[in-house]
Amino acid sequence: MMQISDTYNQKHSLFNAMNRFIGAVNNMDQTVMVPSLLRDVPLEMEVKDEVTISNDAANYFSRRDMHGYYILLKSIRNDIEWGILQGDDRKKDKLTSMDISRLEDADGEEDLEKQFHYHLAGLHTVLSKLTRKANILTNRYKEEIGFGNWGH
């Protein structure tokens, strides 16, 4: 029998975060039948479930239209499912080494456990935000094409 704390921990696992993200992007991809309709449509930052987004994030996302974000989300999903291309590996290696250098002990020894937890927490946070963005984009697309009015 599974305990409540096990269920809570599984909910916050990286594997489940990746599955939720991939599911949200797959749902978005199946919903958006004409991606070109997303061009020049801003991705609204106001979310109905009162999720607040920092000003920095709002400024970043306001520079993208829904089509650009649609392409980005699909690209990230493909990277998760199929791996990262060789050219992208070199860019990410530079960022990773900068992050890792901050996680070295005073003696210069690496603390692999701290590094692992640091990156795991970062991946979980980013995947949760991306999942939320995929769901927002899907709902905005439905609003734009009037899909919500069809069932009423």
N, C-alpha and C. Protein backbone atom coordinates (compact mmCIF):
# COMPACT_ATOMS: atom_id res chain seq x y z
N MET A 1 0.84 -1.19 0.00
CA MET A 1 0.00 0.00 0.00
C MET A 1 0.88 1.24 0.00
N MET A 2 0.54 2.21 -0.83
CA MET A 2 1.32 3.44 -0.96
C MET A 2 0.89 4.44 0.10
N GLN A 3 1.86 5.05 0.75
CA GLN A 3 1.56 6.06 1.75
C GLN A 3 1.33 7.40 1.09
N ILE A 4 0.70 8.31 1.84
CA ILE A 4 0.40 9.63 1.31
C ILE A 4 1.69 10.36 0.94
N SER A 5 2.72 10.26 1.76
CA SER A 5 3.97 10.97 1.46
C SER A 5 4.61 10.44 0.18
N ASP A 6 4.46 9.13 -0.11
CA ASP A 6 4.99 8.58 -1.35
C ASP A 6 4.27 9.16 -2.55
N THR A 7 2.95 9.31 -2.45
CA THR A 7 2.17 9.89 -3.53
C THR A 7 2.60 11.34 -3.75
N TYR A 8 2.79 12.08 -2.68
CA TYR A 8 3.22 13.48 -2.78
C TYR A 8 4.58 13.57 -3.44
N ASN A 9 5.52 12.71 -3.03
CA ASN A 9 6.86 12.73 -3.61
C ASN A 9 6.83 12.35 -5.08
N GLN A 10 6.00 11.38 -5.45
CA GLN A 10 5.91 10.98 -6.85
C GLN A 10 5.35 12.12 -7.70
N LYS A 11 4.44 12.88 -7.13
CA LYS A 11 3.86 14.01 -7.85
C LYS A 11 4.94 15.01 -8.22
N HIS A 12 5.97 15.12 -7.39
CA HIS A 12 7.04 16.08 -7.61
C HIS A 12 8.29 15.45 -8.21
N SER A 13 8.16 14.26 -8.78
CA SER A 13 9.33 13.62 -9.38
C SER A 13 9.61 14.23 -10.75
N LEU A 14 10.85 14.19 -11.15
CA LEU A 14 11.25 14.71 -12.45
C LEU A 14 10.57 13.93 -13.57
N PHE A 15 10.48 12.63 -13.41
CA PHE A 15 9.84 11.78 -14.41
C PHE A 15 8.39 12.22 -14.64
N ASN A 16 7.65 12.44 -13.55
CA ASN A 16 6.25 12.86 -13.69
C ASN A 16 6.15 14.28 -14.25
N ALA A 17 7.09 15.16 -13.88
CA ALA A 17 7.09 16.52 -14.44
C ALA A 17 7.32 16.46 -15.95
N MET A 18 8.25 15.60 -16.38
CA MET A 18 8.50 15.46 -17.82
C MET A 18 7.26 14.89 -18.51
N ASN A 19 6.62 13.91 -17.91
CA ASN A 19 5.41 13.33 -18.52
C ASN A 19 4.28 14.35 -18.61
N ARG A 20 4.12 15.18 -17.55
CA ARG A 20 3.07 16.21 -17.60
C ARG A 20 3.38 17.21 -18.71
N PHE A 21 4.64 17.62 -18.83
CA PHE A 21 5.03 18.56 -19.87
C PHE A 21 4.78 17.97 -21.26
N ILE A 22 5.25 16.75 -21.48
CA ILE A 22 5.08 16.10 -22.79
C ILE A 22 3.59 15.93 -23.09
N GLY A 23 2.79 15.57 -22.10
CA GLY A 23 1.35 15.44 -22.29
C GLY A 23 0.69 16.76 -22.64
N ALA A 24 1.12 17.84 -21.97
CA ALA A 24 0.55 19.16 -22.26
C ALA A 24 0.92 19.60 -23.67
N VAL A 25 2.16 19.34 -24.08
CA VAL A 25 2.59 19.73 -25.43
C VAL A 25 1.90 18.87 -26.48
N ASN A 26 1.73 17.58 -26.20
CA ASN A 26 0.99 16.72 -27.14
C ASN A 26 -0.45 17.19 -27.28
N ASN A 27 -1.08 17.56 -26.17
CA ASN A 27 -2.45 18.08 -26.20
C ASN A 27 -2.50 19.38 -27.02
N MET A 28 -1.51 20.26 -26.78
CA MET A 28 -1.42 21.51 -27.53
C MET A 28 -1.28 21.22 -29.02
N ASP A 29 -0.40 20.27 -29.35
CA ASP A 29 -0.13 19.94 -30.75
C ASP A 29 -1.36 19.35 -31.44
N GLN A 30 -2.14 18.54 -30.71
CA GLN A 30 -3.35 17.96 -31.27
C GLN A 30 -4.48 18.99 -31.40
N THR A 31 -4.49 19.97 -30.51
CA THR A 31 -5.52 21.01 -30.53
C THR A 31 -5.28 22.03 -31.63
N VAL A 32 -4.02 22.43 -31.77
CA VAL A 32 -3.67 23.48 -32.74
C VAL A 32 -3.58 22.85 -34.13
N MET A 33 -4.65 22.98 -34.89
CA MET A 33 -4.71 22.39 -36.22
C MET A 33 -4.06 23.28 -37.27
N VAL A 34 -4.08 24.59 -37.04
CA VAL A 34 -3.50 25.54 -38.00
C VAL A 34 -2.53 26.45 -37.23
N PRO A 35 -1.28 26.01 -37.08
CA PRO A 35 -0.31 26.79 -36.30
C PRO A 35 -0.10 28.22 -36.82
N SER A 36 -0.26 28.44 -38.10
CA SER A 36 -0.04 29.78 -38.65
C SER A 36 -1.05 30.80 -38.08
N LEU A 37 -2.18 30.33 -37.57
CA LEU A 37 -3.14 31.24 -36.94
C LEU A 37 -2.58 31.86 -35.66
N LEU A 38 -1.51 31.27 -35.14
CA LEU A 38 -0.91 31.76 -33.90
C LEU A 38 0.03 32.93 -34.12
N ARG A 39 0.39 33.21 -35.37
CA ARG A 39 1.31 34.31 -35.66
C ARG A 39 0.71 35.64 -35.23
N ASP A 40 1.55 36.46 -34.61
CA ASP A 40 1.19 37.82 -34.17
C ASP A 40 0.10 37.86 -33.11
N VAL A 41 -0.23 36.71 -32.52
CA VAL A 41 -1.19 36.69 -31.42
C VAL A 41 -0.37 36.63 -30.13
N PRO A 42 -0.49 37.66 -29.28
CA PRO A 42 0.31 37.66 -28.05
C PRO A 42 -0.16 36.57 -27.09
N LEU A 43 0.78 36.01 -26.37
CA LEU A 43 0.45 35.03 -25.34
C LEU A 43 0.12 35.82 -24.08
N GLU A 44 -1.16 35.85 -23.73
CA GLU A 44 -1.59 36.64 -22.57
C GLU A 44 -0.91 36.11 -21.32
N MET A 45 -0.50 37.03 -20.45
CA MET A 45 0.20 36.64 -19.24
C MET A 45 -0.75 36.49 -18.06
N GLU A 46 -1.98 36.94 -18.18
CA GLU A 46 -2.92 36.81 -17.10
C GLU A 46 -3.55 35.43 -17.16
N VAL A 47 -3.41 34.68 -16.09
CA VAL A 47 -3.88 33.31 -16.05
C VAL A 47 -5.08 33.23 -15.11
N LYS A 48 -6.07 32.48 -15.48
CA LYS A 48 -7.31 32.42 -14.71
C LYS A 48 -7.12 31.83 -13.32
N ASP A 49 -6.14 30.91 -13.13
CA ASP A 49 -5.96 30.31 -11.82
C ASP A 49 -5.04 31.15 -10.94
N GLU A 50 -4.88 32.44 -11.28
CA GLU A 50 -4.17 33.44 -10.50
C GLU A 50 -2.71 33.11 -10.29
N VAL A 51 -2.07 32.48 -11.26
CA VAL A 51 -0.63 32.26 -11.20
C VAL A 51 0.02 33.59 -11.54
N THR A 52 0.94 34.04 -10.71
CA THR A 52 1.61 35.30 -10.99
C THR A 52 2.95 35.03 -11.64
N ILE A 53 3.32 35.91 -12.54
CA ILE A 53 4.56 35.78 -13.28
C ILE A 53 5.37 37.04 -13.04
N SER A 54 6.66 36.88 -12.79
CA SER A 54 7.52 38.03 -12.51
C SER A 54 7.57 38.97 -13.71
N ASN A 55 7.96 40.23 -13.46
CA ASN A 55 8.05 41.21 -14.53
C ASN A 55 9.06 40.79 -15.57
N ASP A 56 10.19 40.19 -15.14
CA ASP A 56 11.20 39.74 -16.09
C ASP A 56 10.61 38.70 -17.04
N ALA A 57 9.88 37.73 -16.49
CA ALA A 57 9.27 36.68 -17.31
C ALA A 57 8.21 37.30 -18.23
N ALA A 58 7.43 38.23 -17.71
CA ALA A 58 6.39 38.86 -18.53
C ALA A 58 7.03 39.61 -19.69
N ASN A 59 8.13 40.32 -19.45
CA ASN A 59 8.81 41.03 -20.53
C ASN A 59 9.36 40.06 -21.56
N TYR A 60 9.92 38.94 -21.11
CA TYR A 60 10.47 37.96 -22.04
C TYR A 60 9.37 37.37 -22.91
N PHE A 61 8.28 36.94 -22.28
CA PHE A 61 7.23 36.27 -23.03
C PHE A 61 6.44 37.25 -23.88
N SER A 62 6.41 38.53 -23.52
CA SER A 62 5.65 39.49 -24.32
C SER A 62 6.33 39.73 -25.67
N ARG A 63 7.62 39.41 -25.79
CA ARG A 63 8.32 39.58 -27.06
C ARG A 63 8.03 38.43 -28.02
N ARG A 64 7.39 37.40 -27.57
CA ARG A 64 7.07 36.25 -28.42
C ARG A 64 5.58 36.24 -28.73
N ASP A 65 5.27 35.79 -29.93
CA ASP A 65 3.86 35.56 -30.22
C ASP A 65 3.57 34.09 -29.92
N MET A 66 2.31 33.72 -30.02
CA MET A 66 1.93 32.34 -29.70
C MET A 66 2.59 31.35 -30.64
N HIS A 67 2.81 31.71 -31.89
CA HIS A 67 3.45 30.80 -32.84
C HIS A 67 4.89 30.49 -32.43
N GLY A 68 5.63 31.52 -32.04
CA GLY A 68 7.01 31.32 -31.60
C GLY A 68 7.08 30.42 -30.37
N TYR A 69 6.14 30.63 -29.46
CA TYR A 69 6.12 29.81 -28.26
C TYR A 69 5.69 28.37 -28.58
N TYR A 70 4.78 28.21 -29.51
CA TYR A 70 4.35 26.88 -29.97
C TYR A 70 5.54 26.10 -30.50
N ILE A 71 6.35 26.75 -31.35
CA ILE A 71 7.53 26.11 -31.93
C ILE A 71 8.54 25.77 -30.82
N LEU A 72 8.75 26.70 -29.89
CA LEU A 72 9.69 26.47 -28.79
C LEU A 72 9.28 25.27 -27.94
N LEU A 73 8.01 25.20 -27.57
CA LEU A 73 7.53 24.10 -26.73
C LEU A 73 7.67 22.75 -27.44
N LYS A 74 7.36 22.72 -28.74
CA LYS A 74 7.52 21.47 -29.49
C LYS A 74 8.99 21.08 -29.59
N SER A 75 9.87 22.05 -29.74
CA SER A 75 11.30 21.78 -29.83
C SER A 75 11.84 21.19 -28.52
N ILE A 76 11.41 21.76 -27.41
CA ILE A 76 11.85 21.25 -26.10
C ILE A 76 11.32 19.84 -25.89
N ARG A 77 10.06 19.60 -26.27
CA ARG A 77 9.51 18.25 -26.15
C ARG A 77 10.35 17.27 -26.96
N ASN A 78 10.70 17.65 -28.19
CA ASN A 78 11.50 16.76 -29.03
C ASN A 78 12.88 16.51 -28.41
N ASP A 79 13.48 17.55 -27.81
CA ASP A 79 14.77 17.37 -27.14
C ASP A 79 14.66 16.37 -25.99
N ILE A 80 13.57 16.43 -25.24
CA ILE A 80 13.38 15.50 -24.12
C ILE A 80 13.18 14.08 -24.64
N GLU A 81 12.37 13.94 -25.69
CA GLU A 81 12.05 12.61 -26.20
C GLU A 81 13.18 11.97 -27.00
N TRP A 82 13.92 12.79 -27.77
CA TRP A 82 14.89 12.23 -28.72
C TRP A 82 16.33 12.59 -28.41
N GLY A 83 16.56 13.45 -27.43
CA GLY A 83 17.91 13.86 -27.10
C GLY A 83 18.24 15.19 -27.76
N ILE A 84 19.38 15.73 -27.38
CA ILE A 84 19.80 17.05 -27.85
C ILE A 84 20.82 16.87 -28.96
N LEU A 85 20.74 17.69 -29.99
CA LEU A 85 21.68 17.62 -31.10
C LEU A 85 23.08 18.01 -30.64
N GLN A 86 24.08 17.53 -31.35
CA GLN A 86 25.49 17.76 -30.98
C GLN A 86 25.82 19.24 -30.83
N GLY A 87 25.35 20.10 -31.73
CA GLY A 87 25.65 21.53 -31.67
C GLY A 87 25.10 22.18 -30.41
N ASP A 88 23.92 21.76 -29.97
CA ASP A 88 23.32 22.30 -28.76
C ASP A 88 24.08 21.84 -27.52
N ASP A 89 24.70 20.67 -27.57
CA ASP A 89 25.44 20.16 -26.42
C ASP A 89 26.57 21.10 -26.04
N ARG A 90 27.26 21.66 -27.00
CA ARG A 90 28.38 22.54 -26.70
C ARG A 90 27.92 23.79 -25.98
N LYS A 91 26.79 24.37 -26.38
CA LYS A 91 26.27 25.56 -25.72
C LYS A 91 25.89 25.25 -24.28
N LYS A 92 25.24 24.11 -24.07
CA LYS A 92 24.79 23.75 -22.74
C LYS A 92 25.96 23.38 -21.83
N ASP A 93 27.04 22.85 -22.40
CA ASP A 93 28.22 22.52 -21.60
C ASP A 93 28.79 23.77 -20.95
N LYS A 94 28.80 24.90 -21.66
CA LYS A 94 29.33 26.13 -21.10
C LYS A 94 28.49 26.59 -19.90
N LEU A 95 27.19 26.56 -20.05
CA LEU A 95 26.32 26.95 -18.95
C LEU A 95 26.46 26.00 -17.78
N THR A 96 26.54 24.73 -18.05
CA THR A 96 26.65 23.75 -16.99
C THR A 96 27.95 23.93 -16.21
N SER A 97 29.05 24.19 -16.89
CA SER A 97 30.30 24.36 -16.17
C SER A 97 30.30 25.61 -15.31
N MET A 98 29.61 26.67 -15.76
CA MET A 98 29.49 27.87 -14.93
C MET A 98 28.67 27.56 -13.68
N ASP A 99 27.56 26.85 -13.85
CA ASP A 99 26.72 26.49 -12.70
C ASP A 99 27.48 25.57 -11.74
N ILE A 100 28.18 24.60 -12.29
CA ILE A 100 28.88 23.63 -11.46
C ILE A 100 29.99 24.31 -10.67
N SER A 101 30.68 25.28 -11.27
CA SER A 101 31.77 25.95 -10.56
C SER A 101 31.26 26.64 -9.30
N ARG A 102 30.01 27.07 -9.30
CA ARG A 102 29.43 27.69 -8.10
C ARG A 102 29.13 26.66 -7.03
N LEU A 103 29.05 25.40 -7.41
CA LEU A 103 28.69 24.36 -6.46
C LEU A 103 29.89 23.58 -5.94
N GLU A 104 31.10 24.11 -6.14
CA GLU A 104 32.28 23.43 -5.62
C GLU A 104 32.49 23.82 -4.17
N ASP A 105 33.01 22.89 -3.38
CA ASP A 105 33.35 23.18 -1.99
C ASP A 105 34.50 24.15 -1.93
N ALA A 106 34.78 24.67 -0.74
CA ALA A 106 35.88 25.61 -0.54
C ALA A 106 37.21 24.99 -0.95
N ASP A 107 37.36 23.68 -0.79
CA ASP A 107 38.60 22.99 -1.15
C ASP A 107 38.70 22.74 -2.64
N GLY A 108 37.67 23.12 -3.41
CA GLY A 108 37.69 22.89 -4.84
C GLY A 108 37.14 21.52 -5.23
N GLU A 109 36.70 20.75 -4.25
CA GLU A 109 36.12 19.44 -4.53
C GLU A 109 34.66 19.61 -4.94
N GLU A 110 34.25 18.80 -5.88
CA GLU A 110 32.86 18.85 -6.33
C GLU A 110 31.98 18.06 -5.36
N ASP A 111 30.83 18.61 -5.04
CA ASP A 111 29.84 17.89 -4.26
C ASP A 111 28.76 17.43 -5.23
N LEU A 112 28.90 16.21 -5.71
CA LEU A 112 28.00 15.70 -6.75
C LEU A 112 26.55 15.65 -6.29
N GLU A 113 26.33 15.35 -5.04
CA GLU A 113 24.95 15.28 -4.54
C GLU A 113 24.29 16.67 -4.60
N LYS A 114 25.03 17.70 -4.18
CA LYS A 114 24.48 19.06 -4.25
C LYS A 114 24.24 19.47 -5.69
N GLN A 115 25.17 19.13 -6.57
CA GLN A 115 25.00 19.45 -7.99
C GLN A 115 23.77 18.76 -8.55
N PHE A 116 23.60 17.50 -8.21
CA PHE A 116 22.45 16.74 -8.70
C PHE A 116 21.15 17.39 -8.22
N HIS A 117 21.04 17.71 -6.93
CA HIS A 117 19.82 18.30 -6.40
C HIS A 117 19.57 19.69 -6.97
N TYR A 118 20.63 20.45 -7.19
CA TYR A 118 20.50 21.77 -7.79
C TYR A 118 19.89 21.67 -9.19
N HIS A 119 20.44 20.79 -10.00
CA HIS A 119 19.95 20.66 -11.38
C HIS A 119 18.59 19.98 -11.43
N LEU A 120 18.34 19.03 -10.56
CA LEU A 120 17.04 18.37 -10.49
C LEU A 120 15.95 19.38 -10.15
N ALA A 121 16.21 20.22 -9.15
CA ALA A 121 15.23 21.24 -8.76
C ALA A 121 15.02 22.22 -9.91
N GLY A 122 16.09 22.60 -10.59
CA GLY A 122 15.97 23.52 -11.72
C GLY A 122 15.16 22.92 -12.86
N LEU A 123 15.44 21.67 -13.18
CA LEU A 123 14.69 21.00 -14.25
C LEU A 123 13.20 20.91 -13.90
N HIS A 124 12.92 20.56 -12.66
CA HIS A 124 11.51 20.44 -12.24
C HIS A 124 10.81 21.79 -12.36
N THR A 125 11.46 22.85 -11.91
CA THR A 125 10.87 24.18 -11.98
C THR A 125 10.61 24.60 -13.42
N VAL A 126 11.60 24.42 -14.27
CA VAL A 126 11.46 24.81 -15.68
C VAL A 126 10.38 23.99 -16.36
N LEU A 127 10.36 22.67 -16.13
CA LEU A 127 9.34 21.83 -16.75
C LEU A 127 7.94 22.20 -16.28
N SER A 128 7.79 22.56 -15.01
CA SER A 128 6.48 22.98 -14.51
C SER A 128 6.02 24.26 -15.19
N LYS A 129 6.93 25.22 -15.34
CA LYS A 129 6.58 26.47 -16.02
C LYS A 129 6.24 26.23 -17.48
N LEU A 130 7.02 25.38 -18.15
CA LEU A 130 6.76 25.09 -19.56
C LEU A 130 5.44 24.35 -19.74
N THR A 131 5.12 23.46 -18.81
CA THR A 131 3.83 22.75 -18.86
C THR A 131 2.69 23.75 -18.75
N ARG A 132 2.82 24.70 -17.82
CA ARG A 132 1.81 25.73 -17.65
C ARG A 132 1.67 26.56 -18.93
N LYS A 133 2.79 26.90 -19.57
CA LYS A 133 2.75 27.68 -20.80
C LYS A 133 2.07 26.91 -21.93
N ALA A 134 2.34 25.61 -22.04
CA ALA A 134 1.70 24.80 -23.07
C ALA A 134 0.19 24.77 -22.85
N ASN A 135 -0.25 24.65 -21.61
CA ASN A 135 -1.68 24.65 -21.31
C ASN A 135 -2.31 26.01 -21.60
N ILE A 136 -1.59 27.10 -21.28
CA ILE A 136 -2.09 28.45 -21.57
C ILE A 136 -2.24 28.63 -23.07
N LEU A 137 -1.22 28.21 -23.82
CA LEU A 137 -1.27 28.36 -25.27
C LEU A 137 -2.44 27.57 -25.86
N THR A 138 -2.64 26.36 -25.38
CA THR A 138 -3.76 25.53 -25.86
C THR A 138 -5.09 26.22 -25.60
N ASN A 139 -5.27 26.74 -24.40
CA ASN A 139 -6.53 27.41 -24.06
C ASN A 139 -6.71 28.70 -24.86
N ARG A 140 -5.62 29.46 -25.05
CA ARG A 140 -5.71 30.69 -25.85
C ARG A 140 -6.08 30.38 -27.30
N TYR A 141 -5.53 29.31 -27.84
CA TYR A 141 -5.86 28.91 -29.21
C TYR A 141 -7.35 28.59 -29.31
N LYS A 142 -7.84 27.85 -28.33
CA LYS A 142 -9.27 27.51 -28.33
C LYS A 142 -10.13 28.77 -28.28
N GLU A 143 -9.70 29.75 -27.46
CA GLU A 143 -10.44 31.01 -27.39
C GLU A 143 -10.40 31.75 -28.73
N GLU A 144 -9.23 31.78 -29.35
CA GLU A 144 -9.07 32.50 -30.62
C GLU A 144 -9.95 31.94 -31.72
N ILE A 145 -10.09 30.60 -31.76
CA ILE A 145 -10.89 30.02 -32.83
C ILE A 145 -12.35 29.82 -32.41
N GLY A 146 -12.66 30.25 -31.16
CA GLY A 146 -14.03 30.14 -30.68
C GLY A 146 -14.43 28.73 -30.30
N PHE A 147 -13.46 27.88 -30.00
CA PHE A 147 -13.71 26.48 -29.66
C PHE A 147 -14.55 26.34 -28.39
N GLY A 148 -14.35 27.24 -27.42
CA GLY A 148 -15.07 27.16 -26.15
C GLY A 148 -16.57 27.37 -26.33
N ASN A 149 -16.98 28.08 -27.37
CA ASN A 149 -18.39 28.38 -27.60
C ASN A 149 -19.13 27.25 -28.30
N TRP A 150 -18.40 26.29 -28.88
CA TRP A 150 -19.05 25.22 -29.64
C TRP A 150 -19.86 24.28 -28.76
N GLY A 151 -19.41 24.06 -27.56
CA GLY A 151 -20.08 23.09 -26.69
C GLY A 151 -21.27 23.66 -25.95
N HIS A 152 -21.51 24.99 -26.07
CA HIS A 152 -22.60 25.62 -25.30
C HIS A 152 -23.80 25.89 -26.12
